């Protein structure tokens, strides 16, 4: 029985990892285009919901779409109502994906796995390689579902499991709670519902218990983005709290219908596994129909619950442990953790700053300034800590790492100054002079800003994981952003040639904003340089070697 239980646990773990593999491939290959597509879909609530649904099906995660939508709301690129519509659509898209993944296409798995492995190993281009990663993830999802079904059969003969299943048949509310907890533990409502459906297909649990677990998983899935974004800016918290309220209402109604027997599961299919999948889709359809027309009211209700101002920042928390200075590897690790906190804080002020160009908000400026003070403090303390560490007997490699840490801290502090001092000053100047960017100019700046924010997220990933592939991508993004800035400057000059009044009034501010965003991106990209240098992906110089310096043409 222990071996079988381990087999089942491993199968569920493989399912979780496979879904993550697909999401990672999509994010690394297509995230900028995906975000631009979501924004283009978001002119109306209905189209925003459709865009969110498509994105969730591609990314295998409504939580990932929630993070993107909340980021849009914080930056001002989307209204909270539109971001909420995006999230509601993503929930339905994720639910529809469960039906796709349980289709009888097991024979496709070997071909998808073979294609994915060959493509990933042989591809020279990043996107092609990530396409292989996505194919591998899809194949492993199919294989893991088969493994879950194989393992669940023998477990169903255990008296302990049979007694537990019988108990939950009489206590569906507890089964619903278990479903919510498991969805939270898995951090994926998609994976949890697929698991419950597989259990029901093998007879491990009955149809009513599977339905209760699925209802709970729907509520647990809404808790995930709520918990992840609870410390973010107010617009992000409003969106996820409104979604949680709407989903809580729908799941409570569904549970009440199930417990009272008013919900006839036979109408959803003859097999228990299919009933679980169809119930999941039905819940999310009902959620969309209920909540989409009421996004404004839901957000007003969420706003009444949320405190108006975010709580103060923990100003004295630090990862720099003085007691670790006698052990250089541990001290370097402490400095790197503090550097990560510094980078996270830079990202926190970078995301919302473009809102100030739409509507100057002194309260947002106050929050940005508080964060910037913390960044300055962390910058200073990292330098002092590293200088004390360098008094110890360090190896040449450790000495090099201390220089790299200080250089990265300097770059992050420069990025923070660009945001908190320069960009805020430009936004205030526009407010004082009562001028606005042209619609095209504002769209260019917000799109460019979003690309820099995406690279900031990638920089955090590099700092956290030290992944060489992500580091290569971040360095490549620095060159792409430089070219993109030139293209946007050219578009601005074209508007000036056409005599656009708004472009003429804001020309200097527009061009300076683009330059500052490029500078911020370069500072963020610097965190990847030490890794890229170690892997040999970083050139020593940009100068062409085909012509000697000072030589004849």
Protein backbone atom coordinates (compact mmCIF):
# COMPACT_ATOMS: atom_id res chain seq x y z
CA UNK A 1 0.00 0.00 0.00
CA UNK A 2 2.89 2.39 0.76
CA UNK A 3 4.34 1.77 -2.69
CA UNK A 4 0.97 2.42 -4.35
CA UNK A 5 0.42 5.60 -2.31
CA UNK A 6 3.89 6.80 -3.29
CA UNK A 7 3.04 6.05 -6.92
CA UNK A 8 -0.10 8.16 -6.62
CA UNK A 9 1.72 11.04 -4.92
CA UNK A 10 4.44 10.95 -7.58
CA UNK A 11 1.80 10.98 -10.32
CA UNK A 12 0.15 14.08 -8.85
CA UNK A 13 3.58 15.71 -8.46
CA UNK A 14 4.32 14.99 -12.13
CA UNK A 15 1.00 16.58 -13.11
CA UNK A 16 1.85 19.73 -11.15
CA UNK A 17 5.34 19.90 -12.65
CA UNK A 18 4.02 19.28 -16.18
CA UNK A 19 1.55 22.17 -15.94
CA UNK A 20 4.31 24.39 -14.61
CA UNK A 21 6.53 23.28 -17.49
CA UNK A 22 3.94 24.43 -20.02
CA UNK A 23 3.47 27.76 -18.26
CA UNK A 24 7.22 28.36 -18.05
CA UNK A 25 7.62 27.67 -21.77
CA UNK A 26 4.82 30.07 -22.69
CA UNK A 27 6.15 32.79 -20.38
CA UNK A 28 9.72 32.53 -21.67
CA UNK A 29 8.76 32.42 -25.33
CA UNK A 30 5.65 34.51 -25.71
CA UNK A 31 4.96 36.55 -22.56
CA UNK A 32 5.52 40.05 -24.07
CA UNK A 33 3.28 39.22 -27.04
CA UNK A 34 0.73 37.60 -24.74
CA UNK A 35 0.55 40.69 -22.55
CA UNK A 36 0.20 42.96 -25.56
CA UNK A 37 -2.55 40.69 -26.88
CA UNK A 38 -4.39 40.81 -23.56
CA UNK A 39 -4.23 44.59 -23.56
CA UNK A 40 -5.55 44.77 -27.13
CA UNK A 41 -8.46 42.50 -26.14
CA UNK A 42 -9.34 44.70 -23.19
CA UNK A 43 -11.32 47.51 -24.81
CA UNK A 44 -14.56 46.07 -23.40
CA UNK A 45 -15.38 43.73 -20.54
CA UNK A 46 -16.66 40.98 -22.82
CA UNK A 47 -13.58 41.00 -25.06
CA UNK A 48 -11.37 41.21 -21.95
CA UNK A 49 -13.03 38.08 -20.58
CA UNK A 50 -12.48 36.33 -23.93
CA UNK A 51 -8.82 37.37 -23.94
CA UNK A 52 -8.35 36.16 -20.39
CA UNK A 53 -9.91 32.82 -21.26
CA UNK A 54 -7.61 32.29 -24.23
CA UNK A 55 -4.56 33.30 -22.21
CA UNK A 56 -5.43 30.91 -19.38
CA UNK A 57 -5.84 28.04 -21.84
CA UNK A 58 -2.44 28.80 -23.35
CA UNK A 59 -0.66 29.33 -20.02
CA UNK A 60 -2.49 26.49 -18.21
CA UNK A 61 -3.07 28.87 -15.32
CA UNK A 62 -5.72 31.42 -14.41
CA UNK A 63 -3.42 32.57 -11.58
CA UNK A 64 -0.78 33.67 -14.09
CA UNK A 65 -3.40 35.70 -15.95
CA UNK A 66 -4.56 37.17 -12.62
CA UNK A 67 -1.03 38.37 -11.91
CA UNK A 68 -0.82 39.98 -15.36
CA UNK A 69 -4.24 41.61 -15.04
CA UNK A 70 -3.47 42.93 -11.57
CA UNK A 71 -0.20 44.35 -12.87
CA UNK A 72 -2.11 46.14 -15.62
CA UNK A 73 -4.51 47.57 -13.03
CA UNK A 74 -1.64 48.79 -10.84
CA UNK A 75 0.15 50.45 -13.76
CA UNK A 76 -3.04 52.10 -14.98
CA UNK A 77 -2.99 50.34 -18.34
CA UNK A 78 -6.36 48.76 -17.51
CA UNK A 79 -9.14 49.83 -15.20
CA UNK A 80 -9.83 47.51 -12.26
CA UNK A 81 -13.19 46.63 -13.87
CA UNK A 82 -11.48 45.45 -17.04
CA UNK A 83 -8.80 43.58 -15.07
CA UNK A 84 -11.55 41.80 -13.12
CA UNK A 85 -13.27 40.85 -16.39
CA UNK A 86 -9.93 39.49 -17.58
CA UNK A 87 -9.67 37.32 -14.47
CA UNK A 88 -13.25 36.05 -14.75
CA UNK A 89 -12.59 34.97 -18.32
CA UNK A 90 -9.33 33.33 -17.27
CA UNK A 91 -11.19 31.20 -14.72
CA UNK A 92 -13.50 29.91 -17.43
CA UNK A 93 -10.61 29.34 -19.86
CA UNK A 94 -8.76 27.29 -17.26
CA UNK A 95 -11.92 25.25 -16.64
CA UNK A 96 -12.36 24.57 -20.36
CA UNK A 97 -8.76 23.39 -20.49
CA UNK A 98 -9.57 20.58 -18.06
CA UNK A 99 -11.98 19.16 -20.65
CA UNK A 100 -9.29 19.36 -23.35
CA UNK A 101 -6.75 17.53 -21.19
CA UNK A 102 -9.06 14.62 -20.35
CA UNK A 103 -9.89 13.90 -23.99
CA UNK A 104 -8.92 10.35 -25.07
CA UNK A 105 -5.68 11.40 -26.75
CA UNK A 106 -3.24 9.23 -24.80
CA UNK A 107 -1.69 7.92 -28.03
CA UNK A 108 -0.54 11.46 -28.81
CA UNK A 109 1.70 11.58 -25.72
CA UNK A 110 4.71 9.63 -27.11
CA UNK A 111 4.77 11.69 -30.30
CA UNK A 112 4.46 14.98 -28.37
CA UNK A 113 7.22 13.87 -25.99
CA UNK A 114 9.54 12.87 -28.83
CA UNK A 115 8.90 16.09 -30.72
CA UNK A 116 9.38 18.18 -27.58
CA UNK A 117 12.66 16.58 -26.50
CA UNK A 118 14.21 16.74 -29.99
CA UNK A 119 13.09 20.35 -30.47
CA UNK A 120 14.31 21.44 -27.03
CA UNK A 121 17.74 19.81 -27.42
CA UNK A 122 18.39 20.74 -31.04
CA UNK A 123 16.80 24.18 -31.38
CA UNK A 124 19.11 27.15 -31.70
CA UNK A 125 16.49 29.84 -31.14
CA UNK A 126 14.99 30.54 -27.75
CA UNK A 127 11.38 30.45 -28.89
CA UNK A 128 11.80 27.19 -30.74
CA UNK A 129 13.42 25.67 -27.67
CA UNK A 130 10.53 26.83 -25.49
CA UNK A 131 8.05 25.36 -27.97
CA UNK A 132 9.76 22.04 -27.31
CA UNK A 133 9.37 22.64 -23.57
CA UNK A 134 5.63 23.23 -24.03
CA UNK A 135 5.27 20.01 -26.04
CA UNK A 136 7.12 18.06 -23.34
CA UNK A 137 4.82 19.52 -20.68
CA UNK A 138 1.69 18.59 -22.66
CA UNK A 139 2.92 15.01 -23.11
CA UNK A 140 3.75 14.67 -19.43
CA UNK A 141 0.31 15.98 -18.44
CA UNK A 142 -1.30 13.18 -20.44
CA UNK A 143 1.11 10.61 -18.99
CA UNK A 144 0.60 11.81 -15.41
CA UNK A 145 -3.20 11.55 -15.72
CA UNK A 146 -2.80 7.95 -16.88
CA UNK A 147 -0.48 7.27 -13.94
CA UNK A 148 -3.01 8.77 -11.49
CA UNK A 149 -5.75 6.52 -12.85
CA UNK A 150 -3.46 3.47 -12.63
CA UNK A 151 -2.48 4.22 -9.03
CA UNK A 152 -5.95 5.20 -7.81
CA UNK A 153 -7.47 1.79 -8.64
CA UNK A 154 -5.50 -0.31 -6.10
CA UNK A 155 -5.80 2.37 -3.43
CA UNK A 156 -9.58 2.20 -3.71
CA UNK A 157 -9.50 -1.33 -2.24
CA UNK A 158 -7.99 -0.09 1.03
CA UNK A 159 -10.49 -0.18 3.94
CA UNK A 160 -9.13 3.16 5.22
CA UNK A 161 -9.77 4.85 1.88
CA UNK A 162 -13.19 3.23 1.55
CA UNK A 163 -14.18 4.42 5.04
CA UNK A 164 -12.95 7.95 4.29
CA UNK A 165 -14.86 8.02 1.01
CA UNK A 166 -17.98 6.76 2.77
CA UNK A 167 -17.65 9.46 5.43
CA UNK A 168 -17.35 12.24 2.88
CA UNK A 169 -20.49 10.94 1.17
CA UNK A 170 -22.33 11.97 4.37
CA UNK A 171 -20.36 15.20 4.93
CA UNK A 172 -20.04 16.99 1.59
CA UNK A 173 -19.21 20.29 3.29
CA UNK A 174 -16.03 18.78 4.72
CA UNK A 175 -15.18 17.36 1.29
CA UNK A 176 -15.59 20.86 -0.13
CA UNK A 177 -13.18 22.23 2.47
CA UNK A 178 -10.67 19.49 1.65
CA UNK A 179 -10.95 20.40 -2.04
CA UNK A 180 -10.22 24.05 -1.27
CA UNK A 181 -7.19 23.15 0.85
CA UNK A 182 -5.79 20.78 -1.78
CA UNK A 183 -6.21 23.38 -4.54
CA UNK A 184 -4.36 25.87 -2.35
CA UNK A 185 -1.62 23.35 -1.53
CA UNK A 186 -1.19 22.48 -5.21
CA UNK A 187 -1.37 26.18 -6.14
CA UNK A 188 -3.38 25.09 -9.17
CA UNK A 189 -7.14 24.62 -9.45
CA UNK A 190 -6.54 23.04 -12.88
CA UNK A 191 -4.29 20.32 -11.45
CA UNK A 192 -6.56 19.68 -8.48
CA UNK A 193 -9.71 19.30 -10.59
CA UNK A 194 -7.91 16.96 -12.99
CA UNK A 195 -6.78 14.89 -10.00
CA UNK A 196 -10.29 14.71 -8.52
CA UNK A 197 -11.74 13.76 -11.90
CA UNK A 198 -9.16 10.97 -12.23
CA UNK A 199 -10.07 9.70 -8.74
CA UNK A 200 -13.75 9.67 -9.71
CA UNK A 201 -13.05 7.90 -13.00
CA UNK A 202 -11.40 4.99 -11.21
CA UNK A 203 -14.13 4.77 -8.57
CA UNK A 204 -11.85 5.89 -5.74
CA UNK A 205 -14.48 8.48 -4.80
CA UNK A 206 -18.14 8.79 -5.69
CA UNK A 207 -19.69 11.37 -7.95
CA UNK A 208 -21.08 13.53 -5.14
CA UNK A 209 -17.75 13.59 -3.27
CA UNK A 210 -15.92 14.49 -6.49
CA UNK A 211 -18.44 17.28 -7.06
CA UNK A 212 -17.88 18.65 -3.53
CA UNK A 213 -14.11 18.51 -4.01
CA UNK A 214 -14.43 20.38 -7.32
CA UNK A 215 -16.60 23.06 -5.73
CA UNK A 216 -13.99 23.49 -3.01
CA UNK A 217 -11.18 23.61 -5.59
CA UNK A 218 -12.95 26.49 -7.32
CA UNK A 219 -12.94 28.50 -4.11
CA UNK A 220 -9.37 27.47 -3.28
CA UNK A 221 -8.26 28.55 -6.74
CA UNK A 222 -9.48 32.09 -6.03
CA UNK A 223 -7.54 32.20 -2.76
CA UNK A 224 -4.22 31.65 -4.60
CA UNK A 225 -4.01 35.02 -6.43
CA UNK A 226 -5.62 36.72 -3.42
CA UNK A 227 -2.78 35.53 -1.17
CA UNK A 228 -0.08 36.23 -3.75
CA UNK A 229 -1.21 39.82 -4.35
CA UNK A 230 -2.39 40.80 -0.90
CA UNK A 231 0.71 42.88 -0.20
CA UNK A 232 0.59 44.64 -3.58
CA UNK A 233 -0.91 48.03 -4.41
CA UNK A 234 -4.59 48.73 -3.81
CA UNK A 235 -5.84 48.19 -7.42
CA UNK A 236 -4.35 44.68 -7.49
CA UNK A 237 -5.91 43.80 -4.13
CA UNK A 238 -9.27 45.18 -5.23
CA UNK A 239 -9.33 42.94 -8.31
CA UNK A 240 -8.44 39.69 -6.54
CA UNK A 241 -10.71 40.42 -3.56
CA UNK A 242 -13.67 41.15 -5.85
CA UNK A 243 -12.96 37.88 -7.69
CA UNK A 244 -12.79 36.01 -4.39
CA UNK A 245 -16.12 37.48 -3.27
CA UNK A 246 -17.83 36.57 -6.54
CA UNK A 247 -16.38 33.07 -6.58
CA UNK A 248 -17.23 32.53 -2.92
CA UNK A 249 -20.85 33.42 -3.61
CA UNK A 250 -21.13 31.06 -6.59
CA UNK A 251 -19.40 28.15 -4.83
CA UNK A 252 -21.60 28.53 -1.75
CA UNK A 253 -24.69 28.37 -3.95
CA UNK A 254 -23.29 25.32 -5.77
CA UNK A 255 -22.51 23.58 -2.47
CA UNK A 256 -26.00 24.32 -1.15
CA UNK A 257 -27.56 22.86 -4.30
CA UNK A 258 -25.36 19.77 -4.00
CA UNK A 259 -26.04 19.18 -0.30
CA UNK A 260 -29.81 19.61 -0.67
CA UNK A 261 -29.93 17.32 -3.68
CA UNK A 262 -31.19 20.05 -5.99
CA UNK A 263 -28.14 19.59 -8.24
CA UNK A 264 -28.70 16.56 -10.47
CA UNK A 265 -25.23 15.37 -11.44
CA UNK A 266 -26.67 12.89 -13.95
CA UNK A 267 -27.48 15.83 -16.20
CA UNK A 268 -23.75 16.53 -16.46
CA UNK A 269 -22.79 13.06 -17.71
CA UNK A 270 -23.05 9.38 -16.91
CA UNK A 271 -19.48 8.91 -15.62
CA UNK A 272 -18.40 10.45 -12.31
CA UNK A 273 -15.17 11.82 -13.77
CA UNK A 274 -17.00 13.58 -16.59
CA UNK A 275 -19.53 14.96 -14.09
CA UNK A 276 -16.68 16.54 -12.11
CA UNK A 277 -15.22 18.20 -15.20
CA UNK A 278 -18.59 19.48 -16.45
CA UNK A 279 -19.47 20.80 -12.99
CA UNK A 280 -16.19 22.71 -12.95
CA UNK A 281 -17.02 24.28 -16.31
CA UNK A 282 -20.62 25.00 -15.24
CA UNK A 283 -19.48 26.78 -12.06
CA UNK A 284 -17.16 29.04 -14.05
CA UNK A 285 -19.81 29.75 -16.69
CA UNK A 286 -22.22 30.72 -13.91
CA UNK A 287 -19.52 32.88 -12.31
CA UNK A 288 -18.90 34.74 -15.57
CA UNK A 289 -22.62 35.30 -16.20
CA UNK A 290 -23.17 36.47 -12.63
CA UNK A 291 -20.11 38.64 -12.09
CA UNK A 292 -19.29 40.15 -15.49
CA UNK A 293 -22.24 42.59 -15.48
CA UNK A 294 -21.49 43.45 -11.84
CA UNK A 295 -17.76 44.17 -11.96
CA UNK A 296 -18.20 47.78 -10.84
CA UNK A 297 -20.44 46.82 -7.92
CA UNK A 298 -18.12 44.00 -6.85
CA UNK A 299 -15.16 46.37 -6.85
CA UNK A 300 -17.10 48.94 -4.80
CA UNK A 301 -17.90 46.21 -2.27
CA UNK A 302 -14.26 45.13 -2.20
CA UNK A 303 -13.21 48.75 -1.77
CA UNK A 304 -15.48 49.08 1.25
CA UNK A 305 -13.74 46.10 2.87
CA UNK A 306 -10.14 47.05 2.05
CA UNK A 307 -8.32 49.67 4.13
CA UNK A 308 -7.77 52.82 2.12
CA UNK A 309 -4.04 53.00 2.73
CA UNK A 310 -1.55 50.17 2.69
CA UNK A 311 0.14 49.45 5.97
CA UNK A 312 3.58 50.84 6.54
CA UNK A 313 6.60 49.00 5.24
CA UNK A 314 8.69 46.87 7.61
CA UNK A 315 11.50 49.40 7.73
CA UNK A 316 13.93 47.45 9.93
CA UNK A 317 13.77 43.95 8.43
CA UNK A 318 17.06 42.89 6.84
CA UNK A 319 18.67 39.71 5.60
CA UNK A 320 22.16 41.01 6.45
CA UNK A 321 23.21 38.90 9.43
CA UNK A 322 26.34 40.31 11.14
CA UNK A 323 26.94 36.93 12.74
CA UNK A 324 27.49 35.39 9.30
CA UNK A 325 30.49 37.58 8.45
CA UNK A 326 32.89 34.98 9.86
CA UNK A 327 31.59 32.49 7.28
CA UNK A 328 31.97 34.09 3.82
CA UNK A 329 29.67 31.70 1.84
CA UNK A 330 26.84 32.32 4.30
CA UNK A 331 27.49 36.07 4.35
CA UNK A 332 27.41 36.20 0.55
CA UNK A 333 24.09 34.38 0.66
CA UNK A 334 22.74 36.95 3.12
CA UNK A 335 23.87 39.81 0.89
CA UNK A 336 22.25 38.19 -2.12
CA UNK A 337 18.94 37.79 -0.25
CA UNK A 338 19.02 41.46 0.67
CA UNK A 339 19.79 42.31 -2.95
CA UNK A 340 16.71 40.31 -3.96
CA UNK A 341 14.59 42.30 -1.50
CA UNK A 342 16.01 45.46 -2.98
CA UNK A 343 15.13 44.30 -6.51
CA UNK A 344 11.58 43.40 -5.41
CA UNK A 345 11.15 46.90 -3.97
CA UNK A 346 12.41 48.49 -7.20
CA UNK A 347 9.83 46.41 -9.08
CA UNK A 348 7.15 47.56 -6.64
CA UNK A 349 7.68 51.23 -7.54
CA UNK A 350 8.28 50.57 -11.24
CA UNK A 351 4.94 48.84 -11.86
CA UNK A 352 2.54 51.67 -10.87
CA UNK A 353 4.59 54.70 -11.92
CA UNK A 354 2.99 55.21 -15.35
CA UNK A 355 -0.37 55.74 -13.64
CA UNK A 356 0.96 59.15 -12.68
CA UNK A 357 1.07 60.20 -16.34
CA UNK A 358 -2.66 59.50 -16.65
CA UNK A 359 -3.76 60.91 -13.32
CA UNK A 360 -1.23 62.39 -10.91
CA UNK A 361 -1.86 60.91 -7.46
CA UNK A 362 0.01 62.40 -4.47
CA UNK A 363 -0.81 59.33 -2.37
CA UNK A 364 0.91 57.07 -4.91
CA UNK A 365 3.88 59.44 -4.93
CA UNK A 366 4.05 59.14 -1.13
CA UNK A 367 4.13 55.34 -1.36
CA UNK A 368 6.83 55.46 -4.06
CA UNK A 369 8.94 57.79 -1.92
CA UNK A 370 8.63 55.48 1.10
CA UNK A 371 9.79 52.55 -1.01
CA UNK A 372 12.64 54.60 -2.43
CA UNK A 373 13.83 55.44 1.10
CA UNK A 374 13.94 51.72 1.85
CA UNK A 375 15.90 51.08 -1.36
CA UNK A 376 18.45 53.74 -0.39
CA UNK A 377 18.76 52.16 3.06
CA UNK A 378 19.25 48.66 1.64
CA UNK A 379 21.78 49.97 -0.89
CA UNK A 380 23.83 51.62 1.86
CA UNK A 381 23.63 48.64 4.21
CA UNK A 382 24.64 46.16 1.48
CA UNK A 383 27.76 48.22 0.71
CA UNK A 384 28.71 48.46 4.40
CA UNK A 385 28.08 44.74 4.92
CA UNK A 386 30.15 43.77 1.89
CA UNK A 387 32.99 46.09 2.92
CA UNK A 388 33.10 44.37 6.32
CA UNK A 389 33.04 40.99 4.61
CA UNK A 390 36.01 41.95 2.44
CA UNK A 391 38.07 42.42 5.61
CA UNK A 392 37.94 38.63 5.99
CA UNK A 393 40.19 36.17 4.20
CA UNK A 394 38.28 35.66 0.93
CA UNK A 395 39.12 33.55 -2.07
CA UNK A 396 39.51 35.33 -5.44
CA UNK A 397 36.09 33.99 -6.50
CA UNK A 398 34.46 35.32 -3.35
CA UNK A 399 36.12 38.72 -3.80
CA UNK A 400 34.75 38.85 -7.34
CA UNK A 401 31.26 38.02 -6.08
CA UNK A 402 31.39 40.86 -3.55
CA UNK A 403 32.20 43.31 -6.36
CA UNK A 404 29.36 41.90 -8.47
CA UNK A 405 26.89 42.29 -5.58
CA UNK A 406 27.85 45.92 -5.02
CA UNK A 407 27.67 46.64 -8.76
CA UNK A 408 24.18 45.12 -8.94
CA UNK A 409 23.10 47.10 -5.87
CA UNK A 410 24.40 50.29 -7.49
CA UNK A 411 22.44 49.52 -10.64
CA UNK A 412 19.23 48.85 -8.71
CA UNK A 413 19.66 52.09 -6.77
CA UNK A 414 20.08 53.96 -10.07
CA UNK A 415 16.91 52.34 -11.38
CA UNK A 416 15.04 53.39 -8.23
CA UNK A 417 16.22 56.99 -8.67
CA UNK A 418 15.04 56.96 -12.29
CA UNK A 419 11.59 55.94 -11.09
CA UNK A 420 11.17 57.83 -7.80
CA UNK A 421 12.96 61.02 -8.80
CA UNK A 422 13.02 61.42 -12.56
CA UNK A 423 9.79 59.77 -13.74
CA UNK A 424 7.78 61.16 -10.83
CA UNK A 425 9.17 64.65 -11.55
CA UNK A 426 8.19 64.37 -15.22
CA UNK A 427 4.67 63.27 -14.29
CA UNK A 428 4.36 66.15 -11.81
CA UNK A 429 5.55 68.59 -14.44
CA UNK A 430 2.84 67.38 -16.81
CA UNK A 431 0.23 67.77 -14.06
CA UNK A 432 1.44 71.27 -13.18
CA UNK A 433 1.40 72.35 -16.82
CA UNK A 434 -1.97 70.59 -17.46
CA UNK A 435 -0.67 68.77 -20.54
CA UNK A 436 -1.29 65.18 -21.64
CA UNK A 437 0.46 62.75 -23.95
CA UNK A 438 -1.28 62.05 -27.22
CA UNK A 439 -3.24 58.76 -27.17
CA UNK A 440 -0.62 57.20 -29.46
CA UNK A 441 2.24 58.54 -27.35
CA UNK A 442 0.70 57.30 -24.10
CA UNK A 443 0.09 53.89 -25.67
CA UNK A 444 3.75 53.73 -26.76
CA UNK A 445 5.00 54.66 -23.30
CA UNK A 446 2.70 52.23 -21.49
CA UNK A 447 3.60 49.40 -23.86
CA UNK A 448 7.32 50.13 -23.47
CA UNK A 449 6.92 50.38 -19.70
CA UNK A 450 5.16 47.01 -19.65
CA UNK A 451 8.07 45.41 -21.52
CA UNK A 452 10.49 46.82 -18.92
CA UNK A 453 8.26 45.54 -16.10
CA UNK A 454 8.28 42.08 -17.71
CA UNK A 455 12.07 42.18 -17.82
CA UNK A 456 12.04 43.24 -14.17
CA UNK A 457 10.14 40.07 -13.35
CA UNK A 458 12.69 38.10 -15.32
CA UNK A 459 15.50 39.80 -13.38
CA UNK A 460 13.86 38.71 -10.11
CA UNK A 461 13.74 35.16 -11.46
CA UNK A 462 17.44 35.31 -12.35
CA UNK A 463 18.34 36.58 -8.89
CA UNK A 464 16.22 33.89 -7.25
CA UNK A 465 17.20 30.85 -9.33
CA UNK A 466 20.48 31.78 -11.05
CA UNK A 467 19.06 30.14 -14.19
CA UNK A 468 21.51 30.49 -17.09
CA UNK A 469 18.84 30.40 -19.78
CA UNK A 470 16.85 33.16 -18.09
CA UNK A 471 20.06 35.18 -17.75
CA UNK A 472 20.74 34.83 -21.48
CA UNK A 473 17.21 35.93 -22.24
CA UNK A 474 17.53 38.98 -19.98
CA UNK A 475 20.79 40.07 -21.61
CA UNK A 476 19.21 39.63 -25.05
CA UNK A 477 16.25 41.72 -23.91
CA UNK A 478 18.59 44.62 -23.15
CA UNK A 479 19.57 44.84 -26.82
CA UNK A 480 15.97 44.41 -27.96
CA UNK A 481 14.78 47.18 -25.64
CA UNK A 482 17.48 49.49 -27.00
CA UNK A 483 16.21 48.90 -30.55
CA UNK A 484 12.60 49.26 -29.42
CA UNK A 485 13.38 52.63 -27.83
CA UNK A 486 14.85 53.86 -31.11
CA UNK A 487 11.73 52.73 -32.96
CA UNK A 488 9.47 54.54 -30.48
CA UNK A 489 11.57 57.71 -30.73
CA UNK A 490 11.14 57.52 -34.49
CA UNK A 491 7.37 57.13 -34.11
CA UNK A 492 7.34 60.21 -31.87
CA UNK A 493 9.27 62.25 -34.44
CA UNK A 494 6.76 61.18 -37.08
CA UNK A 495 3.93 62.55 -34.93
CA UNK A 496 5.87 65.80 -34.55
CA UNK A 497 6.20 65.98 -38.34
CA UNK A 498 2.44 65.50 -38.64
CA UNK A 499 1.93 68.48 -36.33
CA UNK A 500 0.14 66.61 -33.48
CA UNK A 501 -0.42 69.31 -30.85
CA UNK A 502 -0.28 66.98 -27.84
CA UNK A 503 2.96 65.44 -29.09
CA UNK A 504 4.53 68.87 -29.57
CA UNK A 505 3.53 70.00 -26.05
CA UNK A 506 4.97 66.92 -24.38
CA UNK A 507 7.85 66.15 -26.74
CA UNK A 508 10.71 66.57 -24.27
CA UNK A 509 8.91 64.70 -21.50
CA UNK A 510 7.96 61.88 -23.89
CA UNK A 511 11.50 61.36 -25.13
CA UNK A 512 13.00 61.63 -21.64
CA UNK A 513 10.50 59.06 -20.33
CA UNK A 514 11.50 56.58 -23.02
CA UNK A 515 15.19 57.18 -22.26
CA UNK A 516 14.66 56.65 -18.52
CA UNK A 517 12.73 53.43 -19.08
CA UNK A 518 15.57 52.14 -21.27
CA UNK A 519 18.04 53.09 -18.52
CA UNK A 520 15.94 51.26 -15.90
CA UNK A 521 15.86 48.17 -18.11
CA UNK A 522 19.65 48.26 -18.50
CA UNK A 523 20.08 48.43 -14.71
CA UNK A 524 17.75 45.48 -14.22
CA UNK A 525 19.46 43.47 -16.96
CA UNK A 526 22.82 43.89 -15.21
CA UNK A 527 21.84 41.25 -12.62
CA UNK A 528 22.21 38.65 -15.40
CA UNK A 529 25.73 39.66 -16.41
CA UNK A 530 27.71 37.61 -13.84
CA UNK A 531 25.83 34.43 -14.84
CA UNK A 532 26.12 35.18 -18.56
CA UNK A 533 29.84 35.80 -18.12
CA UNK A 534 30.33 32.49 -16.32
CA UNK A 535 28.53 30.57 -19.08
CA UNK A 536 30.48 32.33 -21.83
CA UNK A 537 27.39 34.04 -23.24
CA UNK A 538 28.64 37.57 -22.59
CA UNK A 539 31.02 39.18 -25.04
CA UNK A 540 33.94 41.02 -23.57
CA UNK A 541 33.33 44.03 -25.83
CA UNK A 542 30.83 45.30 -28.36
CA UNK A 543 33.63 46.60 -30.60
CA UNK A 544 34.03 44.80 -33.91
CA UNK A 545 37.19 42.69 -33.96
CA UNK A 546 37.57 42.71 -37.70
CA UNK A 547 39.25 46.13 -37.58
CA UNK A 548 42.08 47.06 -35.20
CA UNK A 549 41.45 50.11 -33.04
CA UNK A 550 43.05 53.11 -34.64
CA UNK A 551 43.81 51.13 -37.80
CA UNK A 552 42.97 52.02 -41.37
CA UNK A 553 39.59 51.22 -42.87
